[in-house]
Amino acid sequence: MDLEKARQILELDITATRREIREAYRRAARRWHPDAAPPDQQAACHQRMLEINEAYQRILAFLETYRYRLEELPETKEDYDSWWHSHFGQSMGWPNRPGRRPKKT
């Protein structure tokens, strides 16, 4: 099962915390557990519960192998002029780029 299908089965957004994943699993398990189903629907609920368990295990496996960046990013903000120069200044060479006053002659 791929990660996209697992998210769809548990009805998760593209971003979710571990708590939200656990709550989605429990919500689905309460809804589809075969013990709570009428006798004529127990086979269908059993199959659905197998899918839910597989989806939950797939997401947990993804979380266990995901690599986190364990470093705090600096909170300094780059000023507009240096950002513009680093992205466009060298290749464009515009004398009157946005954010800069034209030179007085």
N, C-alpha and C. Protein backbone atom coordinates (compact mmCIF):
# COMPACT_ATOMS: atom_id res chain seq x y z
N MET A 1 0.85 -1.18 0.00
CA MET A 1 0.00 0.00 0.00
C MET A 1 0.90 1.24 0.00
N ASP A 2 0.58 2.19 -0.85
CA ASP A 2 1.37 3.42 -0.87
C ASP A 2 0.84 4.41 0.16
N LEU A 3 1.63 5.43 0.40
CA LEU A 3 1.32 6.40 1.46
C LEU A 3 0.06 7.19 1.15
N GLU A 4 -0.16 7.51 -0.11
CA GLU A 4 -1.35 8.28 -0.51
C GLU A 4 -2.63 7.50 -0.19
N LYS A 5 -2.64 6.23 -0.53
CA LYS A 5 -3.82 5.40 -0.25
C LYS A 5 -4.03 5.26 1.26
N ALA A 6 -2.94 5.12 2.01
CA ALA A 6 -3.05 5.03 3.47
C ALA A 6 -3.66 6.30 4.05
N ARG A 7 -3.24 7.46 3.53
CA ARG A 7 -3.83 8.72 4.00
C ARG A 7 -5.31 8.79 3.68
N GLN A 8 -5.71 8.32 2.50
CA GLN A 8 -7.11 8.36 2.11
C GLN A 8 -7.96 7.44 2.99
N ILE A 9 -7.43 6.27 3.29
CA ILE A 9 -8.19 5.33 4.13
C ILE A 9 -8.43 5.91 5.52
N LEU A 10 -7.40 6.56 6.07
CA LEU A 10 -7.54 7.14 7.42
C LEU A 10 -8.10 8.56 7.38
N GLU A 11 -8.38 9.07 6.18
CA GLU A 11 -8.95 10.41 5.99
C GLU A 11 -8.07 11.48 6.63
N LEU A 12 -6.77 11.44 6.29
CA LEU A 12 -5.81 12.41 6.82
C LEU A 12 -5.44 13.44 5.76
N ASP A 13 -5.12 14.64 6.22
CA ASP A 13 -4.60 15.67 5.32
C ASP A 13 -3.16 15.35 4.98
N ILE A 14 -2.56 16.18 4.14
CA ILE A 14 -1.18 15.97 3.73
C ILE A 14 -0.22 16.19 4.90
N THR A 15 -0.61 17.00 5.85
CA THR A 15 0.19 17.18 7.06
C THR A 15 -0.64 16.72 8.26
N ALA A 16 0.00 15.99 9.13
CA ALA A 16 -0.70 15.50 10.33
C ALA A 16 0.32 15.23 11.42
N THR A 17 -0.08 15.45 12.64
CA THR A 17 0.77 15.13 13.77
C THR A 17 0.55 13.66 14.13
N ARG A 18 1.42 13.15 14.98
CA ARG A 18 1.24 11.76 15.44
C ARG A 18 -0.09 11.60 16.17
N ARG A 19 -0.47 12.61 16.93
CA ARG A 19 -1.74 12.55 17.65
C ARG A 19 -2.91 12.48 16.67
N GLU A 20 -2.89 13.29 15.62
CA GLU A 20 -3.97 13.27 14.62
C GLU A 20 -4.03 11.93 13.90
N ILE A 21 -2.87 11.33 13.63
CA ILE A 21 -2.83 10.02 12.99
C ILE A 21 -3.46 8.97 13.90
N ARG A 22 -3.07 8.99 15.16
CA ARG A 22 -3.62 8.04 16.13
C ARG A 22 -5.14 8.22 16.28
N GLU A 23 -5.58 9.47 16.35
CA GLU A 23 -7.02 9.74 16.49
C GLU A 23 -7.79 9.29 15.25
N ALA A 24 -7.21 9.49 14.07
CA ALA A 24 -7.87 9.05 12.84
C ALA A 24 -7.98 7.53 12.81
N TYR A 25 -6.93 6.85 13.25
CA TYR A 25 -6.97 5.38 13.31
C TYR A 25 -8.05 4.91 14.28
N ARG A 26 -8.09 5.49 15.45
CA ARG A 26 -9.09 5.08 16.45
C ARG A 26 -10.51 5.37 15.99
N ARG A 27 -10.68 6.51 15.33
CA ARG A 27 -12.00 6.86 14.81
C ARG A 27 -12.46 5.84 13.76
N ALA A 28 -11.54 5.47 12.86
CA ALA A 28 -11.87 4.48 11.83
C ALA A 28 -12.12 3.11 12.44
N ALA A 29 -11.32 2.75 13.45
CA ALA A 29 -11.49 1.45 14.09
C ALA A 29 -12.83 1.35 14.81
N ARG A 30 -13.24 2.44 15.46
CA ARG A 30 -14.56 2.43 16.13
C ARG A 30 -15.68 2.27 15.12
N ARG A 31 -15.51 2.91 13.98
CA ARG A 31 -16.57 2.87 12.97
C ARG A 31 -16.65 1.51 12.28
N TRP A 32 -15.51 0.90 11.97
CA TRP A 32 -15.49 -0.29 11.13
C TRP A 32 -15.18 -1.59 11.87
N HIS A 33 -15.05 -1.59 13.17
CA HIS A 33 -14.68 -2.82 13.88
C HIS A 33 -15.78 -3.87 13.71
N PRO A 34 -15.41 -5.10 13.35
CA PRO A 34 -16.41 -6.14 13.09
C PRO A 34 -17.26 -6.51 14.31
N ASP A 35 -16.73 -6.35 15.51
CA ASP A 35 -17.50 -6.69 16.70
C ASP A 35 -18.69 -5.76 16.90
N ALA A 36 -18.61 -4.54 16.37
CA ALA A 36 -19.70 -3.58 16.52
C ALA A 36 -20.66 -3.61 15.34
N ALA A 37 -20.36 -4.43 14.33
CA ALA A 37 -21.18 -4.47 13.11
C ALA A 37 -22.32 -5.47 13.27
N PRO A 38 -23.40 -5.25 12.54
CA PRO A 38 -24.48 -6.24 12.50
C PRO A 38 -23.94 -7.56 11.90
N PRO A 39 -24.56 -8.67 12.24
CA PRO A 39 -24.05 -9.97 11.77
C PRO A 39 -23.91 -10.09 10.25
N ASP A 40 -24.79 -9.46 9.50
CA ASP A 40 -24.73 -9.58 8.03
C ASP A 40 -23.62 -8.71 7.42
N GLN A 41 -23.03 -7.78 8.17
CA GLN A 41 -21.99 -6.90 7.65
C GLN A 41 -20.62 -7.17 8.26
N GLN A 42 -20.50 -8.21 9.07
CA GLN A 42 -19.23 -8.45 9.75
C GLN A 42 -18.10 -8.78 8.79
N ALA A 43 -18.36 -9.50 7.72
CA ALA A 43 -17.31 -9.85 6.76
C ALA A 43 -16.78 -8.60 6.06
N ALA A 44 -17.66 -7.70 5.66
CA ALA A 44 -17.23 -6.45 5.00
C ALA A 44 -16.45 -5.57 5.97
N CYS A 45 -16.92 -5.50 7.20
CA CYS A 45 -16.23 -4.70 8.21
C CYS A 45 -14.87 -5.30 8.56
N HIS A 46 -14.79 -6.62 8.56
CA HIS A 46 -13.50 -7.28 8.82
C HIS A 46 -12.50 -6.91 7.73
N GLN A 47 -12.94 -6.94 6.47
CA GLN A 47 -12.06 -6.58 5.36
C GLN A 47 -11.63 -5.11 5.45
N ARG A 48 -12.56 -4.25 5.77
CA ARG A 48 -12.25 -2.82 5.91
C ARG A 48 -11.28 -2.59 7.08
N MET A 49 -11.44 -3.32 8.15
CA MET A 49 -10.56 -3.18 9.30
C MET A 49 -9.14 -3.63 8.96
N LEU A 50 -9.01 -4.66 8.12
CA LEU A 50 -7.68 -5.08 7.66
C LEU A 50 -7.00 -3.95 6.88
N GLU A 51 -7.76 -3.27 6.03
CA GLU A 51 -7.22 -2.14 5.27
C GLU A 51 -6.80 -1.00 6.21
N ILE A 52 -7.61 -0.73 7.19
CA ILE A 52 -7.31 0.35 8.15
C ILE A 52 -6.03 0.03 8.91
N ASN A 53 -5.90 -1.21 9.37
CA ASN A 53 -4.68 -1.61 10.09
C ASN A 53 -3.45 -1.50 9.20
N GLU A 54 -3.58 -1.94 7.95
CA GLU A 54 -2.46 -1.86 7.02
C GLU A 54 -2.07 -0.40 6.74
N ALA A 55 -3.06 0.47 6.59
CA ALA A 55 -2.79 1.89 6.36
C ALA A 55 -2.09 2.51 7.56
N TYR A 56 -2.56 2.19 8.74
CA TYR A 56 -1.95 2.73 9.95
C TYR A 56 -0.51 2.25 10.09
N GLN A 57 -0.27 0.98 9.85
CA GLN A 57 1.09 0.45 9.93
C GLN A 57 2.00 1.07 8.87
N ARG A 58 1.47 1.34 7.67
CA ARG A 58 2.26 1.96 6.60
C ARG A 58 2.67 3.38 7.00
N ILE A 59 1.76 4.14 7.58
CA ILE A 59 2.08 5.50 8.00
C ILE A 59 3.07 5.49 9.16
N LEU A 60 2.90 4.59 10.11
CA LEU A 60 3.86 4.49 11.21
C LEU A 60 5.24 4.10 10.72
N ALA A 61 5.32 3.20 9.74
CA ALA A 61 6.61 2.82 9.17
C ALA A 61 7.27 4.00 8.48
N PHE A 62 6.46 4.82 7.80
CA PHE A 62 7.00 6.02 7.16
C PHE A 62 7.56 6.98 8.20
N LEU A 63 6.84 7.17 9.29
CA LEU A 63 7.30 8.08 10.34
C LEU A 63 8.59 7.58 10.99
N GLU A 64 8.75 6.28 11.11
CA GLU A 64 9.96 5.72 11.73
C GLU A 64 11.19 5.89 10.83
N THR A 65 10.99 5.90 9.52
CA THR A 65 12.15 6.01 8.62
C THR A 65 12.37 7.42 8.11
N TYR A 66 11.47 8.36 8.44
CA TYR A 66 11.61 9.74 7.99
C TYR A 66 12.76 10.41 8.73
N ARG A 67 13.59 11.12 8.01
CA ARG A 67 14.73 11.81 8.63
C ARG A 67 14.35 13.27 8.90
N TYR A 68 14.53 13.68 10.14
CA TYR A 68 14.23 15.03 10.56
C TYR A 68 15.52 15.85 10.57
N ARG A 69 15.43 17.10 10.25
CA ARG A 69 16.57 18.00 10.34
C ARG A 69 16.61 18.54 11.77
N LEU A 70 17.62 18.14 12.52
CA LEU A 70 17.71 18.50 13.93
C LEU A 70 18.61 19.71 14.10
N GLU A 71 18.14 20.81 13.59
CA GLU A 71 18.90 22.04 13.68
C GLU A 71 17.93 23.20 13.67
N GLU A 72 18.17 24.15 14.53
CA GLU A 72 17.31 25.32 14.56
C GLU A 72 17.77 26.28 13.48
N LEU A 73 16.81 26.80 12.75
CA LEU A 73 17.13 27.75 11.70
C LEU A 73 17.26 29.14 12.29
N PRO A 74 18.18 29.92 11.77
CA PRO A 74 18.33 31.28 12.30
C PRO A 74 17.09 32.12 12.02
N GLU A 75 16.82 33.04 12.90
CA GLU A 75 15.63 33.87 12.76
C GLU A 75 15.93 35.21 12.12
N THR A 76 17.11 35.36 11.55
CA THR A 76 17.45 36.63 10.90
C THR A 76 16.72 36.72 9.57
N LYS A 77 16.32 37.91 9.25
CA LYS A 77 15.62 38.15 8.00
C LYS A 77 16.55 38.90 7.05
N GLU A 78 16.58 38.45 5.83
CA GLU A 78 17.41 39.08 4.82
C GLU A 78 16.66 40.30 4.28
N ASP A 79 17.36 41.39 4.10
CA ASP A 79 16.68 42.57 3.59
C ASP A 79 16.35 42.39 2.10
N TYR A 80 15.40 43.15 1.63
CA TYR A 80 14.87 43.01 0.29
C TYR A 80 15.95 43.21 -0.77
N ASP A 81 16.79 44.20 -0.60
CA ASP A 81 17.79 44.51 -1.62
C ASP A 81 18.80 43.38 -1.78
N SER A 82 19.28 42.80 -0.70
CA SER A 82 20.24 41.71 -0.81
C SER A 82 19.57 40.44 -1.35
N TRP A 83 18.29 40.22 -1.01
CA TRP A 83 17.57 39.09 -1.58
C TRP A 83 17.44 39.25 -3.08
N TRP A 84 17.05 40.43 -3.53
CA TRP A 84 16.88 40.69 -4.96
C TRP A 84 18.21 40.50 -5.69
N HIS A 85 19.26 41.02 -5.12
CA HIS A 85 20.57 40.90 -5.76
C HIS A 85 21.02 39.44 -5.84
N SER A 86 20.78 38.67 -4.81
CA SER A 86 21.21 37.27 -4.84
C SER A 86 20.40 36.43 -5.83
N HIS A 87 19.15 36.81 -6.09
CA HIS A 87 18.31 36.03 -7.01
C HIS A 87 18.34 36.55 -8.44
N PHE A 88 18.38 37.88 -8.61
CA PHE A 88 18.24 38.43 -9.95
C PHE A 88 19.34 39.41 -10.35
N GLY A 89 20.02 39.96 -9.39
CA GLY A 89 20.93 41.07 -9.67
C GLY A 89 22.08 40.74 -10.60
N GLN A 90 22.71 39.60 -10.45
CA GLN A 90 23.88 39.31 -11.24
C GLN A 90 23.53 38.97 -12.68
N SER A 91 22.45 38.27 -12.91
CA SER A 91 22.13 37.85 -14.26
C SER A 91 21.39 38.92 -15.05
N MET A 92 20.63 39.77 -14.41
CA MET A 92 19.82 40.74 -15.11
C MET A 92 20.55 42.07 -15.32
N GLY A 93 21.20 42.52 -14.30
CA GLY A 93 21.91 43.77 -14.40
C GLY A 93 21.01 44.98 -14.58
N TRP A 94 19.84 44.97 -13.99
CA TRP A 94 18.92 46.09 -14.13
C TRP A 94 19.41 47.26 -13.29
N PRO A 95 19.51 48.44 -13.87
CA PRO A 95 19.93 49.60 -13.08
C PRO A 95 18.83 50.10 -12.15
N ASN A 96 17.56 49.94 -12.52
CA ASN A 96 16.44 50.46 -11.72
C ASN A 96 15.52 49.32 -11.31
N ARG A 97 16.03 48.35 -10.60
CA ARG A 97 15.20 47.23 -10.18
C ARG A 97 14.25 47.67 -9.06
N PRO A 98 13.15 46.97 -8.88
CA PRO A 98 12.20 47.34 -7.83
C PRO A 98 12.86 47.39 -6.47
N GLY A 99 12.44 48.36 -5.67
CA GLY A 99 12.98 48.49 -4.33
C GLY A 99 14.21 49.37 -4.27
N ARG A 100 14.66 49.89 -5.39
CA ARG A 100 15.84 50.73 -5.43
C ARG A 100 15.49 52.03 -6.17
N ARG A 101 15.94 53.12 -5.63
CA ARG A 101 15.69 54.42 -6.27
C ARG A 101 16.64 54.61 -7.44
N PRO A 102 16.18 55.23 -8.51
CA PRO A 102 17.07 55.47 -9.64
C PRO A 102 18.21 56.43 -9.25
N LYS A 103 19.33 56.23 -9.90
CA LYS A 103 20.49 57.09 -9.63
C LYS A 103 20.23 58.48 -10.16
N LYS A 104 20.63 59.50 -9.40
CA LYS A 104 20.48 60.89 -9.85
C LYS A 104 21.72 61.25 -10.66
N THR A 105 21.47 61.84 -11.80
CA THR A 105 22.59 62.27 -12.65
C THR A 105 22.69 63.73 -12.79
